[in-house]
Amino acid sequence: MLDDEWKDVKRNFYTNTRHWDNINLIQDYSYNQVNNFPDGFFDVIYIDADHSYEAVKNEIEKYTPKCKYIIGGHDYYHSSPGVIKAVDEAFGNPTITFTDSSWFKILRWYHIYNKTSQLWEY
């Protein structure tokens, strides 16, 4: 990615995540970073990169084990047939889709009980 493109990505990232201190930007391609994280490391993973079938399938295969609860992504719509095919093959269908073409698959349901830190899994 060109330096100007990274500047745009970083600006948007920091604007959109400024209210949370537990989200970090790693400036690299996901395939270079996947082995730096143990399985079950992330609560949520959001995929939005190359929209080809092969690339999305690869991202899903590599990152699903790294995710505890929700995996999702962008561009689940007719003009990105590779995304739809890879998501549907991996999960059947997304648990939910949104009007901005985001999709989420719930891998494991969880519930925070009585506003405490207790986590109840379903």
PDB file of N, CA and C in Angstrom:
ATOM      1  N   MET A   1       0.851  -1.175   0.000  1.00  0.00           N
ATOM      2  CA  MET A   1       0.000   0.000   0.000  1.00  0.00           C
ATOM      3  C   MET A   1       0.896   1.237   0.000  1.00  0.00           C
ATOM      4  N   LEU A   2       0.517   2.219  -0.731  1.00  0.00           N
ATOM      5  CA  LEU A   2       1.290   3.452  -0.809  1.00  0.00           C
ATOM      6  C   LEU A   2       1.172   4.247   0.488  1.00  0.00           C
ATOM      7  N   ASP A   3       2.183   5.069   0.761  1.00  0.00           N
ATOM      8  CA  ASP A   3       2.197   5.854   1.992  1.00  0.00           C
ATOM      9  C   ASP A   3       0.958   6.728   2.140  1.00  0.00           C
ATOM     10  N   ASP A   4       0.500   7.350   1.047  1.00  0.00           N
ATOM     11  CA  ASP A   4      -0.693   8.197   1.123  1.00  0.00           C
ATOM     12  C   ASP A   4      -1.930   7.384   1.472  1.00  0.00           C
ATOM     13  N   GLU A   5      -2.020   6.146   0.939  1.00  0.00           N
ATOM     14  CA  GLU A   5      -3.156   5.295   1.264  1.00  0.00           C
ATOM     15  C   GLU A   5      -3.128   4.892   2.735  1.00  0.00           C
ATOM     16  N   TRP A   6      -1.935   4.560   3.253  1.00  0.00           N
ATOM     17  CA  TRP A   6      -1.818   4.221   4.680  1.00  0.00           C
ATOM     18  C   TRP A   6      -2.211   5.417   5.548  1.00  0.00           C
ATOM     19  N   LYS A   7      -1.855   6.614   5.114  1.00  0.00           N
ATOM     20  CA  LYS A   7      -2.240   7.808   5.879  1.00  0.00           C
ATOM     21  C   LYS A   7      -3.758   7.923   5.976  1.00  0.00           C
ATOM     22  N   ASP A   8      -4.443   7.649   4.865  1.00  0.00           N
ATOM     23  CA  ASP A   8      -5.908   7.686   4.874  1.00  0.00           C
ATOM     24  C   ASP A   8      -6.478   6.598   5.776  1.00  0.00           C
ATOM     25  N   VAL A   9      -5.927   5.391   5.688  1.00  0.00           N
ATOM     26  CA  VAL A   9      -6.391   4.286   6.530  1.00  0.00           C
ATOM     27  C   VAL A   9      -6.202   4.651   7.999  1.00  0.00           C
ATOM     28  N   LYS A  10      -5.031   5.153   8.347  1.00  0.00           N
ATOM     29  CA  LYS A  10      -4.752   5.492   9.754  1.00  0.00           C
ATOM     30  C   LYS A  10      -5.658   6.618  10.248  1.00  0.00           C
ATOM     31  N   ARG A  11      -5.852   7.629   9.426  1.00  0.00           N
ATOM     32  CA  ARG A  11      -6.717   8.737   9.839  1.00  0.00           C
ATOM     33  C   ARG A  11      -8.132   8.227  10.115  1.00  0.00           C
ATOM     34  N   ASN A  12      -8.663   7.420   9.208  1.00  0.00           N
ATOM     35  CA  ASN A  12     -10.002   6.867   9.403  1.00  0.00           C
ATOM     36  C   ASN A  12     -10.054   5.936  10.602  1.00  0.00           C
ATOM     37  N   PHE A  13      -9.036   5.127  10.771  1.00  0.00           N
ATOM     38  CA  PHE A  13      -8.984   4.215  11.906  1.00  0.00           C
ATOM     39  C   PHE A  13      -9.033   5.002  13.218  1.00  0.00           C
ATOM     40  N   TYR A  14      -8.158   5.975  13.363  1.00  0.00           N
ATOM     41  CA  TYR A  14      -8.112   6.732  14.618  1.00  0.00           C
ATOM     42  C   TYR A  14      -9.384   7.543  14.852  1.00  0.00           C
ATOM     43  N   THR A  15      -9.992   8.042  13.793  1.00  0.00           N
ATOM     44  CA  THR A  15     -11.266   8.751  13.931  1.00  0.00           C
ATOM     45  C   THR A  15     -12.356   7.803  14.422  1.00  0.00           C
ATOM     46  N   ASN A  16     -12.415   6.622  13.839  1.00  0.00           N
ATOM     47  CA  ASN A  16     -13.490   5.681  14.156  1.00  0.00           C
ATOM     48  C   ASN A  16     -13.290   4.916  15.458  1.00  0.00           C
ATOM     49  N   THR A  17     -12.087   4.895  15.984  1.00  0.00           N
ATOM     50  CA  THR A  17     -11.833   4.120  17.207  1.00  0.00           C
ATOM     51  C   THR A  17     -11.373   4.997  18.367  1.00  0.00           C
ATOM     52  N   ARG A  18     -11.504   6.280  18.260  1.00  0.00           N
ATOM     53  CA  ARG A  18     -10.969   7.207  19.261  1.00  0.00           C
ATOM     54  C   ARG A  18     -11.579   7.047  20.659  1.00  0.00           C
ATOM     55  N   HIS A  19     -12.727   6.416  20.763  1.00  0.00           N
ATOM     56  CA  HIS A  19     -13.389   6.277  22.059  1.00  0.00           C
ATOM     57  C   HIS A  19     -12.990   5.018  22.812  1.00  0.00           C
ATOM     58  N   TRP A  20     -12.185   4.167  22.200  1.00  0.00           N
ATOM     59  CA  TRP A  20     -11.794   2.906  22.837  1.00  0.00           C
ATOM     60  C   TRP A  20     -10.281   2.835  22.941  1.00  0.00           C
ATOM     61  N   ASP A  21      -9.793   2.391  24.079  1.00  0.00           N
ATOM     62  CA  ASP A  21      -8.346   2.282  24.263  1.00  0.00           C
ATOM     63  C   ASP A  21      -7.841   0.844  24.128  1.00  0.00           C
ATOM     64  N   ASN A  22      -8.721  -0.086  23.799  1.00  0.00           N
ATOM     65  CA  ASN A  22      -8.318  -1.480  23.675  1.00  0.00           C
ATOM     66  C   ASN A  22      -8.292  -1.963  22.222  1.00  0.00           C
ATOM     67  N   ILE A  23      -8.248  -1.030  21.284  1.00  0.00           N
ATOM     68  CA  ILE A  23      -8.177  -1.349  19.864  1.00  0.00           C
ATOM     69  C   ILE A  23      -6.867  -0.781  19.328  1.00  0.00           C
ATOM     70  N   ASN A  24      -6.128  -1.616  18.620  1.00  0.00           N
ATOM     71  CA  ASN A  24      -4.824  -1.200  18.113  1.00  0.00           C
ATOM     72  C   ASN A  24      -4.729  -1.408  16.611  1.00  0.00           C
ATOM     73  N   LEU A  25      -4.047  -0.497  15.967  1.00  0.00           N
ATOM     74  CA  LEU A  25      -3.789  -0.603  14.535  1.00  0.00           C
ATOM     75  C   LEU A  25      -2.437  -1.272  14.330  1.00  0.00           C
ATOM     76  N   ILE A  26      -2.427  -2.308  13.518  1.00  0.00           N
ATOM     77  CA  ILE A  26      -1.190  -2.955  13.111  1.00  0.00           C
ATOM     78  C   ILE A  26      -1.033  -2.666  11.629  1.00  0.00           C
ATOM     79  N   GLN A  27      -0.018  -1.917  11.288  1.00  0.00           N
ATOM     80  CA  GLN A  27       0.167  -1.484   9.904  1.00  0.00           C
ATOM     81  C   GLN A  27       0.928  -2.555   9.133  1.00  0.00           C
ATOM     82  N   ASP A  28       0.181  -3.521   8.653  1.00  0.00           N
ATOM     83  CA  ASP A  28       0.764  -4.622   7.900  1.00  0.00           C
ATOM     84  C   ASP A  28      -0.375  -5.397   7.249  1.00  0.00           C
ATOM     85  N   TYR A  29      -0.037  -6.296   6.381  1.00  0.00           N
ATOM     86  CA  TYR A  29      -1.038  -7.166   5.775  1.00  0.00           C
ATOM     87  C   TYR A  29      -1.358  -8.297   6.739  1.00  0.00           C
ATOM     88  N   SER A  30      -2.604  -8.696   6.775  1.00  0.00           N
ATOM     89  CA  SER A  30      -3.052  -9.705   7.741  1.00  0.00           C
ATOM     90  C   SER A  30      -2.308 -11.020   7.602  1.00  0.00           C
ATOM     91  N   TYR A  31      -1.975 -11.407   6.376  1.00  0.00           N
ATOM     92  CA  TYR A  31      -1.266 -12.682   6.188  1.00  0.00           C
ATOM     93  C   TYR A  31       0.128 -12.657   6.795  1.00  0.00           C
ATOM     94  N   ASN A  32       0.708 -11.473   6.987  1.00  0.00           N
ATOM     95  CA  ASN A  32       2.007 -11.378   7.659  1.00  0.00           C
ATOM     96  C   ASN A  32       1.880 -11.450   9.171  1.00  0.00           C
ATOM     97  N   GLN A  33       0.704 -11.224   9.701  1.00  0.00           N
ATOM     98  CA  GLN A  33       0.507 -11.110  11.141  1.00  0.00           C
ATOM     99  C   GLN A  33      -0.197 -12.294  11.787  1.00  0.00           C
ATOM    100  N   VAL A  34      -0.860 -13.126  11.033  1.00  0.00           N
ATOM    101  CA  VAL A  34      -1.732 -14.153  11.593  1.00  0.00           C
ATOM    102  C   VAL A  34      -1.026 -15.049  12.606  1.00  0.00           C
ATOM    103  N   ASN A  35       0.203 -15.398  12.372  1.00  0.00           N
ATOM    104  CA  ASN A  35       0.906 -16.300  13.286  1.00  0.00           C
ATOM    105  C   ASN A  35       1.437 -15.612  14.541  1.00  0.00           C
ATOM    106  N   ASN A  36       1.253 -14.310  14.638  1.00  0.00           N
ATOM    107  CA  ASN A  36       1.669 -13.582  15.840  1.00  0.00           C
ATOM    108  C   ASN A  36       0.627 -13.631  16.951  1.00  0.00           C
ATOM    109  N   PHE A  37      -0.522 -14.243  16.671  1.00  0.00           N
ATOM    110  CA  PHE A  37      -1.614 -14.290  17.641  1.00  0.00           C
ATOM    111  C   PHE A  37      -2.014 -15.735  17.906  1.00  0.00           C
ATOM    112  N   PRO A  38      -2.189 -16.104  19.173  1.00  0.00           N
ATOM    113  CA  PRO A  38      -2.633 -17.467  19.474  1.00  0.00           C
ATOM    114  C   PRO A  38      -4.113 -17.640  19.124  1.00  0.00           C
ATOM    115  N   ASP A  39      -4.523 -18.880  18.979  1.00  0.00           N
ATOM    116  CA  ASP A  39      -5.947 -19.159  18.744  1.00  0.00           C
ATOM    117  C   ASP A  39      -6.766 -18.607  19.899  1.00  0.00           C
ATOM    118  N   GLY A  40      -7.936 -18.078  19.572  1.00  0.00           N
ATOM    119  CA  GLY A  40      -8.830 -17.519  20.583  1.00  0.00           C
ATOM    120  C   GLY A  40      -8.393 -16.179  21.139  1.00  0.00           C
ATOM    121  N   PHE A  41      -7.482 -15.491  20.493  1.00  0.00           N
ATOM    122  CA  PHE A  41      -6.943 -14.222  21.000  1.00  0.00           C
ATOM    123  C   PHE A  41      -7.946 -13.070  20.897  1.00  0.00           C
ATOM    124  N   PHE A  42      -8.682 -13.020  19.791  1.00  0.00           N
ATOM    125  CA  PHE A  42      -9.576 -11.898  19.518  1.00  0.00           C
ATOM    126  C   PHE A  42     -11.016 -12.222  19.908  1.00  0.00           C
ATOM    127  N   ASP A  43     -11.726 -11.237  20.427  1.00  0.00           N
ATOM    128  CA  ASP A  43     -13.162 -11.375  20.656  1.00  0.00           C
ATOM    129  C   ASP A  43     -13.919 -11.221  19.340  1.00  0.00           C
ATOM    130  N   VAL A  44     -13.497 -10.261  18.522  1.00  0.00           N
ATOM    131  CA  VAL A  44     -14.161  -9.944  17.253  1.00  0.00           C
ATOM    132  C   VAL A  44     -13.089  -9.721  16.191  1.00  0.00           C
ATOM    133  N   ILE A  45     -13.343 -10.234  15.004  1.00  0.00           N
ATOM    134  CA  ILE A  45     -12.482  -9.974  13.848  1.00  0.00           C
ATOM    135  C   ILE A  45     -13.365  -9.477  12.717  1.00  0.00           C
ATOM    136  N   TYR A  46     -12.890  -8.420  12.028  1.00  0.00           N
ATOM    137  CA  TYR A  46     -13.625  -7.835  10.904  1.00  0.00           C
ATOM    138  C   TYR A  46     -12.704  -7.838   9.689  1.00  0.00           C
ATOM    139  N   ILE A  47     -13.123  -8.508   8.636  1.00  0.00           N
ATOM    140  CA  ILE A  47     -12.330  -8.671   7.417  1.00  0.00           C
ATOM    141  C   ILE A  47     -12.809  -7.669   6.370  1.00  0.00           C
ATOM    142  N   ASP A  48     -11.880  -6.872   5.860  1.00  0.00           N
ATOM    143  CA  ASP A  48     -12.210  -5.949   4.768  1.00  0.00           C
ATOM    144  C   ASP A  48     -10.926  -5.692   3.986  1.00  0.00           C
ATOM    145  N   ALA A  49     -10.657  -6.560   3.049  1.00  0.00           N
ATOM    146  CA  ALA A  49      -9.417  -6.447   2.282  1.00  0.00           C
ATOM    147  C   ALA A  49      -9.708  -6.803   0.837  1.00  0.00           C
ATOM    148  N   ASP A  50      -8.868  -7.625   0.246  1.00  0.00           N
ATOM    149  CA  ASP A  50      -9.058  -8.105  -1.116  1.00  0.00           C
ATOM    150  C   ASP A  50     -10.398  -8.838  -1.180  1.00  0.00           C
ATOM    151  N   HIS A  51     -11.212  -8.544  -2.161  1.00  0.00           N
ATOM    152  CA  HIS A  51     -12.565  -9.087  -2.238  1.00  0.00           C
ATOM    153  C   HIS A  51     -12.695 -10.315  -3.140  1.00  0.00           C
ATOM    154  N   SER A  52     -11.572 -10.865  -3.558  1.00  0.00           N
ATOM    155  CA  SER A  52     -11.638 -12.074  -4.373  1.00  0.00           C
ATOM    156  C   SER A  52     -12.023 -13.264  -3.492  1.00  0.00           C
ATOM    157  N   TYR A  53     -12.617 -14.267  -4.123  1.00  0.00           N
ATOM    158  CA  TYR A  53     -13.015 -15.476  -3.408  1.00  0.00           C
ATOM    159  C   TYR A  53     -11.825 -16.090  -2.667  1.00  0.00           C
ATOM    160  N   GLU A  54     -10.709 -16.261  -3.362  1.00  0.00           N
ATOM    161  CA  GLU A  54      -9.547 -16.905  -2.781  1.00  0.00           C
ATOM    162  C   GLU A  54      -9.026 -16.142  -1.562  1.00  0.00           C
ATOM    163  N   ALA A  55      -8.971 -14.828  -1.665  1.00  0.00           N
ATOM    164  CA  ALA A  55      -8.445 -14.016  -0.563  1.00  0.00           C
ATOM    165  C   ALA A  55      -9.365 -14.065   0.656  1.00  0.00           C
ATOM    166  N   VAL A  56     -10.668 -13.946   0.439  1.00  0.00           N
ATOM    167  CA  VAL A  56     -11.612 -13.971   1.560  1.00  0.00           C
ATOM    168  C   VAL A  56     -11.628 -15.356   2.206  1.00  0.00           C
ATOM    169  N   LYS A  57     -11.618 -16.394   1.385  1.00  0.00           N
ATOM    170  CA  LYS A  57     -11.576 -17.761   1.911  1.00  0.00           C
ATOM    171  C   LYS A  57     -10.334 -17.954   2.772  1.00  0.00           C
ATOM    172  N   ASN A  58      -9.195 -17.482   2.295  1.00  0.00           N
ATOM    173  CA  ASN A  58      -7.941 -17.593   3.034  1.00  0.00           C
ATOM    174  C   ASN A  58      -8.006 -16.834   4.362  1.00  0.00           C
ATOM    175  N   GLU A  59      -8.543 -15.618   4.341  1.00  0.00           N
ATOM    176  CA  GLU A  59      -8.682 -14.827   5.575  1.00  0.00           C
ATOM    177  C   GLU A  59      -9.573 -15.559   6.582  1.00  0.00           C
ATOM    178  N   ILE A  60     -10.689 -16.072   6.122  1.00  0.00           N
ATOM    179  CA  ILE A  60     -11.612 -16.793   7.006  1.00  0.00           C
ATOM    180  C   ILE A  60     -10.937 -18.025   7.593  1.00  0.00           C
ATOM    181  N   GLU A  61     -10.257 -18.792   6.751  1.00  0.00           N
ATOM    182  CA  GLU A  61      -9.589 -20.008   7.238  1.00  0.00           C
ATOM    183  C   GLU A  61      -8.502 -19.695   8.258  1.00  0.00           C
ATOM    184  N   LYS A  62      -7.738 -18.652   8.012  1.00  0.00           N
ATOM    185  CA  LYS A  62      -6.626 -18.319   8.908  1.00  0.00           C
ATOM    186  C   LYS A  62      -7.087 -17.644  10.197  1.00  0.00           C
ATOM    187  N   TYR A  63      -8.122 -16.816  10.108  1.00  0.00           N
ATOM    188  CA  TYR A  63      -8.497 -16.000  11.263  1.00  0.00           C
ATOM    189  C   TYR A  63      -9.646 -16.543  12.100  1.00  0.00           C
ATOM    190  N   THR A  64     -10.464 -17.436  11.581  1.00  0.00           N
ATOM    191  CA  THR A  64     -11.539 -17.990  12.404  1.00  0.00           C
ATOM    192  C   THR A  64     -11.004 -18.645  13.676  1.00  0.00           C
ATOM    193  N   PRO A  65      -9.938 -19.431  13.630  1.00  0.00           N
ATOM    194  CA  PRO A  65      -9.428 -20.012  14.882  1.00  0.00           C
ATOM    195  C   PRO A  65      -8.914 -18.964  15.881  1.00  0.00           C
ATOM    196  N   LYS A  66      -8.556 -17.803  15.397  1.00  0.00           N
ATOM    197  CA  LYS A  66      -8.034 -16.735  16.267  1.00  0.00           C
ATOM    198  C   LYS A  66      -9.152 -16.002  17.002  1.00  0.00           C
ATOM    199  N   CYS A  67     -10.399 -16.267  16.622  1.00  0.00           N
ATOM    200  CA  CYS A  67     -11.549 -15.494  17.088  1.00  0.00           C
ATOM    201  C   CYS A  67     -12.411 -16.293  18.065  1.00  0.00           C
ATOM    202  N   LYS A  68     -12.787 -15.640  19.167  1.00  0.00           N
ATOM    203  CA  LYS A  68     -13.621 -16.302  20.169  1.00  0.00           C
ATOM    204  C   LYS A  68     -15.116 -16.198  19.883  1.00  0.00           C
ATOM    205  N   TYR A  69     -15.603 -15.036  19.471  1.00  0.00           N
ATOM    206  CA  TYR A  69     -17.041 -14.810  19.463  1.00  0.00           C
ATOM    207  C   TYR A  69     -17.647 -14.446  18.110  1.00  0.00           C
ATOM    208  N   ILE A  70     -17.132 -13.416  17.454  1.00  0.00           N
ATOM    209  CA  ILE A  70     -17.773 -12.907  16.246  1.00  0.00           C
ATOM    210  C   ILE A  70     -16.716 -12.658  15.180  1.00  0.00           C
ATOM    211  N   ILE A  71     -16.957 -13.203  13.994  1.00  0.00           N
ATOM    212  CA  ILE A  71     -16.127 -12.866  12.837  1.00  0.00           C
ATOM    213  C   ILE A  71     -17.048 -12.235  11.805  1.00  0.00           C
ATOM    214  N   GLY A  72     -16.545 -11.247  11.129  1.00  0.00           N
ATOM    215  CA  GLY A  72     -17.367 -10.559  10.144  1.00  0.00           C
ATOM    216  C   GLY A  72     -16.514  -9.881   9.112  1.00  0.00           C
ATOM    217  N   GLY A  73     -17.182  -9.123   8.285  1.00  0.00           N
ATOM    218  CA  GLY A  73     -16.458  -8.421   7.246  1.00  0.00           C
ATOM    219  C   GLY A  73     -17.370  -7.495   6.474  1.00  0.00           C
ATOM    220  N   HIS A  74     -16.861  -7.054   5.350  1.00  0.00           N
ATOM    221  CA  HIS A  74     -17.548  -6.062   4.541  1.00  0.00           C
ATOM    222  C   HIS A  74     -17.758  -6.605   3.139  1.00  0.00           C
ATOM    223  N   ASP A  75     -18.636  -5.981   2.412  1.00  0.00           N
ATOM    224  CA  ASP A  75     -18.881  -6.234   0.997  1.00  0.00           C
ATOM    225  C   ASP A  75     -19.553  -7.570   0.710  1.00  0.00           C
ATOM    226  N   TYR A  76     -20.479  -7.956   1.567  1.00  0.00           N
ATOM    227  CA  TYR A  76     -21.322  -9.120   1.321  1.00  0.00           C
ATOM    228  C   TYR A  76     -22.526  -8.643   0.511  1.00  0.00           C
ATOM    229  N   TYR A  77     -22.291  -8.443  -0.781  1.00  0.00           N
ATOM    230  CA  TYR A  77     -23.365  -8.031  -1.680  1.00  0.00           C
ATOM    231  C   TYR A  77     -23.035  -8.426  -3.108  1.00  0.00           C
ATOM    232  N   HIS A  78     -24.014  -8.297  -3.997  1.00  0.00           N
ATOM    233  CA  HIS A  78     -23.947  -8.856  -5.344  1.00  0.00           C
ATOM    234  C   HIS A  78     -22.730  -8.436  -6.155  1.00  0.00           C
ATOM    235  N   SER A  79     -22.193  -7.257  -5.953  1.00  0.00           N
ATOM    236  CA  SER A  79     -21.042  -6.837  -6.752  1.00  0.00           C
ATOM    237  C   SER A  79     -19.724  -7.411  -6.225  1.00  0.00           C
ATOM    238  N   SER A  80     -19.779  -8.182  -5.150  1.00  0.00           N
ATOM    239  CA  SER A  80     -18.598  -8.892  -4.636  1.00  0.00           C
ATOM    240  C   SER A  80     -18.932 -10.379  -4.476  1.00  0.00           C
ATOM    241  N   PRO A  81     -19.141 -11.074  -5.580  1.00  0.00           N
ATOM    242  CA  PRO A  81     -19.562 -12.472  -5.485  1.00  0.00           C
ATOM    243  C   PRO A  81     -18.540 -13.373  -4.792  1.00  0.00           C
ATOM    244  N   GLY A  82     -17.267 -13.023  -4.860  1.00  0.00           N
ATOM    245  CA  GLY A  82     -16.252 -13.812  -4.178  1.00  0.00           C
ATOM    246  C   GLY A  82     -16.410 -13.784  -2.667  1.00  0.00           C
ATOM    247  N   VAL A  83     -16.819 -12.639  -2.143  1.00  0.00           N
ATOM    248  CA  VAL A  83     -17.058 -12.510  -0.707  1.00  0.00           C
ATOM    249  C   VAL A  83     -18.232 -13.405  -0.309  1.00  0.00           C
ATOM    250  N   ILE A  84     -19.324 -13.292  -1.033  1.00  0.00           N
ATOM    251  CA  ILE A  84     -20.517 -14.086  -0.720  1.00  0.00           C
ATOM    252  C   ILE A  84     -20.198 -15.579  -0.770  1.00  0.00           C
ATOM    253  N   LYS A  85     -19.517 -16.010  -1.823  1.00  0.00           N
ATOM    254  CA  LYS A  85     -19.202 -17.429  -1.976  1.00  0.00           C
ATOM    255  C   LYS A  85     -18.323 -17.931  -0.822  1.00  0.00           C
ATOM    256  N   ALA A  86     -17.287 -17.192  -0.475  1.00  0.00           N
ATOM    257  CA  ALA A  86     -16.370 -17.618   0.592  1.00  0.00           C
ATOM    258  C   ALA A  86     -17.073 -17.652   1.951  1.00  0.00           C
ATOM    259  N   VAL A  87     -17.869 -16.638   2.244  1.00  0.00           N
ATOM    260  CA  VAL A  87     -18.586 -16.581   3.525  1.00  0.00           C
ATOM    261  C   VAL A  87     -19.604 -17.717   3.609  1.00  0.00           C
ATOM    262  N   ASP A  88     -20.383 -17.899   2.571  1.00  0.00           N
ATOM    263  CA  ASP A  88     -21.404 -18.948   2.579  1.00  0.00           C
ATOM    264  C   ASP A  88     -20.794 -20.344   2.658  1.00  0.00           C
ATOM    265  N   GLU A  89     -19.684 -20.573   1.973  1.00  0.00           N
ATOM    266  CA  GLU A  89     -19.017 -21.871   2.066  1.00  0.00           C
ATOM    267  C   GLU A  89     -18.488 -22.138   3.471  1.00  0.00           C
ATOM    268  N   ALA A  90     -17.957 -21.114   4.095  1.00  0.00           N
ATOM    269  CA  ALA A  90     -17.361 -21.289   5.422  1.00  0.00           C
ATOM    270  C   ALA A  90     -18.412 -21.436   6.515  1.00  0.00           C
ATOM    271  N   PHE A  91     -19.515 -20.694   6.417  1.00  0.00           N
ATOM    272  CA  PHE A  91     -20.448 -20.594   7.538  1.00  0.00           C
ATOM    273  C   PHE A  91     -21.887 -20.963   7.211  1.00  0.00           C
ATOM    274  N   GLY A  92     -22.166 -21.350   5.984  1.00  0.00           N
ATOM    275  CA  GLY A  92     -23.554 -21.562   5.589  1.00  0.00           C
ATOM    276  C   GLY A  92     -24.133 -20.238   5.139  1.00  0.00           C
ATOM    277  N   ASN A  93     -24.378 -19.377   6.074  1.00  0.00           N
ATOM    278  CA  ASN A  93     -24.793 -17.992   5.831  1.00  0.00           C
ATOM    279  C   ASN A  93     -24.302 -17.175   7.007  1.00  0.00           C
ATOM    280  N   PRO A  94     -24.162 -15.864   6.839  1.00  0.00           N
ATOM    281  CA  PRO A  94     -23.851 -15.037   8.004  1.00  0.00           C
ATOM    282  C   PRO A  94     -25.015 -15.070   8.995  1.00  0.00           C
ATOM    283  N   THR A  95     -24.733 -14.831  10.241  1.00  0.00           N
ATOM    284  CA  THR A  95     -25.787 -14.727  11.243  1.00  0.00           C
ATOM    285  C   THR A  95     -26.642 -13.497  10.963  1.00  0.00           C
ATOM    286  N   ILE A  96     -25.983 -12.416  10.526  1.00  0.00           N
ATOM    287  CA  ILE A  96     -26.692 -11.168  10.240  1.00  0.00           C
ATOM    288  C   ILE A  96     -25.919 -10.387   9.188  1.00  0.00           C
ATOM    289  N   THR A  97     -26.650  -9.659   8.355  1.00  0.00           N
ATOM    290  CA  THR A  97     -26.042  -8.728   7.406  1.00  0.00           C
ATOM    291  C   THR A  97     -26.650  -7.349   7.644  1.00  0.00           C
ATOM    292  N   PHE A  98     -25.960  -6.321   7.160  1.00  0.00           N
ATOM    293  CA  PHE A  98     -26.372  -4.941   7.386  1.00  0.00           C
ATOM    294  C   PHE A  98     -26.456  -4.190   6.065  1.00  0.00           C
ATOM    295  N   THR A  99     -27.120  -3.065   6.066  1.00  0.00           N
ATOM    296  CA  THR A  99     -27.326  -2.302   4.832  1.00  0.00           C
ATOM    297  C   THR A  99     -26.024  -1.750   4.258  1.00  0.00           C
ATOM    298  N   ASP A 100     -24.960  -1.649   5.063  1.00  0.00           N
ATOM    299  CA  ASP A 100     -23.674  -1.195   4.525  1.00  0.00           C
ATOM    300  C   ASP A 100     -22.878  -2.351   3.931  1.00  0.00           C
ATOM    301  N   SER A 101     -23.495  -3.523   3.818  1.00  0.00           N
ATOM    302  CA  SER A 101     -22.945  -4.774   3.289  1.00  0.00           C
ATOM    303  C   SER A 101     -22.000  -5.482   4.255  1.00  0.00           C
ATOM    304  N   SER A 102     -21.990  -5.074   5.507  1.00  0.00           N
ATOM    305  CA  SER A 102     -21.245  -5.815   6.526  1.00  0.00           C
ATOM    306  C   SER A 102     -21.965  -7.109   6.842  1.00  0.00           C
ATOM    307  N   TRP A 103     -21.206  -8.095   7.282  1.00  0.00           N
ATOM    308  CA  TRP A 103     -21.769  -9.386   7.684  1.00  0.00           C
ATOM    309  C   TRP A 103     -21.091  -9.823   8.977  1.00  0.00           C
ATOM    310  N   PHE A 104     -21.829 -10.561   9.786  1.00  0.00           N
ATOM    311  CA  PHE A 104     -21.272 -11.141  11.008  1.00  0.00           C
ATOM    312  C   PHE A 104     -21.733 -12.575  11.152  1.00  0.00           C
ATOM    313  N   LYS A 105     -20.840 -13.403  11.625  1.00  0.00           N
ATOM    314  CA  LYS A 105     -21.160 -14.777  12.000  1.00  0.00           C
ATOM    315  C   LYS A 105     -20.846 -14.919  13.482  1.00  0.00           C
ATOM    316  N   ILE A 106     -21.844 -15.282  14.254  1.00  0.00           N
ATOM    317  CA  ILE A 106     -21.649 -15.527  15.677  1.00  0.00           C
ATOM    318  C   ILE A 106     -21.040 -16.918  15.812  1.00  0.00           C
ATOM    319  N   LEU A 107     -19.841 -16.990  16.336  1.00  0.00           N
ATOM    320  CA  LEU A 107     -19.163 -18.266  16.542  1.00  0.00           C
ATOM    321  C   LEU A 107     -19.545 -18.875  17.883  1.00  0.00           C
ATOM    322  N   ARG A 108     -19.723 -18.012  18.868  1.00  0.00           N
ATOM    323  CA  ARG A 108     -20.116 -18.449  20.204  1.00  0.00           C
ATOM    324  C   ARG A 108     -20.891 -17.293  20.831  1.00  0.00           C
ATOM    325  N   TRP A 109     -22.077 -17.600  21.333  1.00  0.00           N
ATOM    326  CA  TRP A 109     -22.899 -16.584  21.987  1.00  0.00           C
ATOM    327  C   TRP A 109     -22.379 -16.342  23.390  1.00  0.00           C
ATOM    328  N   TYR A 110     -22.479 -15.126  23.845  1.00  0.00           N
ATOM    329  CA  TYR A 110     -22.103 -14.816  25.224  1.00  0.00           C
ATOM    330  C   TYR A 110     -23.064 -13.784  25.778  1.00  0.00           C
ATOM    331  N   HIS A 111     -23.064 -13.703  27.085  1.00  0.00           N
ATOM    332  CA  HIS A 111     -24.000 -12.814  27.767  1.00  0.00           C
ATOM    333  C   HIS A 111     -23.315 -12.283  29.019  1.00  0.00           C
ATOM    334  N   ILE A 112     -23.312 -11.006  29.188  1.00  0.00           N
ATOM    335  CA  ILE A 112     -22.766 -10.408  30.409  1.00  0.00           C
ATOM    336  C   ILE A 112     -23.896 -10.384  31.428  1.00  0.00           C
ATOM    337  N   TYR A 113     -23.675 -10.995  32.565  1.00  0.00           N
ATOM    338  CA  TYR A 113     -24.712 -11.157  33.571  1.00  0.00           C
ATOM    339  C   TYR A 113     -24.659 -10.048  34.606  1.00  0.00           C
ATOM    340  N   ASN A 114     -25.780  -9.346  34.797  1.00  0.00           N
ATOM    341  CA  ASN A 114     -25.973  -8.397  35.888  1.00  0.00           C
ATOM    342  C   ASN A 114     -24.898  -7.314  35.970  1.00  0.00           C
ATOM    343  N   LYS A 115     -24.441  -6.835  34.812  1.00  0.00           N
ATOM    344  CA  LYS A 115     -23.464  -5.749  34.736  1.00  0.00           C
ATOM    345  C   LYS A 115     -22.193  -6.041  35.528  1.00  0.00           C
ATOM    346  N   THR A 116     -21.829  -7.282  35.646  1.00  0.00           N
ATOM    347  CA  THR A 116     -20.565  -7.637  36.291  1.00  0.00           C
ATOM    348  C   THR A 116     -19.631  -8.170  35.233  1.00  0.00           C
ATOM    349  N   SER A 117     -18.476  -8.558  35.633  1.00  0.00           N
ATOM    350  CA  SER A 117     -17.521  -9.094  34.674  1.00  0.00           C
ATOM    351  C   SER A 117     -17.722 -10.588  34.440  1.00  0.00           C
ATOM    352  N   GLN A 118     -18.764 -11.164  35.015  1.00  0.00           N
ATOM    353  CA  GLN A 118     -19.013 -12.575  34.795  1.00  0.00           C
ATOM    354  C   GLN A 118     -19.484 -12.808  33.370  1.00  0.00           C
ATOM    355  N   LEU A 119     -18.915 -13.790  32.734  1.00  0.00           N
ATOM    356  CA  LEU A 119     -19.268 -14.109  31.366  1.00  0.00           C
ATOM    357  C   LEU A 119     -19.951 -15.473  31.333  1.00  0.00           C
ATOM    358  N   TRP A 120     -21.131 -15.495  30.778  1.00  0.00           N
ATOM    359  CA  TRP A 120     -21.879 -16.741  30.643  1.00  0.00           C
ATOM    360  C   TRP A 120     -21.925 -17.093  29.180  1.00  0.00           C
ATOM    361  N   GLU A 121     -21.401 -18.243  28.811  1.00  0.00           N
ATOM    362  CA  GLU A 121     -21.408 -18.659  27.415  1.00  0.00           C
ATOM    363  C   GLU A 121     -22.562 -19.597  27.137  1.00  0.00           C
ATOM    364  N   TYR A 122     -23.095 -19.517  25.933  1.00  0.00           N
ATOM    365  CA  TYR A 122     -24.194 -20.378  25.508  1.00  0.00           C
ATOM    366  C   TYR A 122     -23.664 -21.362  24.491  1.00  0.00           C
TER     367      TYR A 122
END
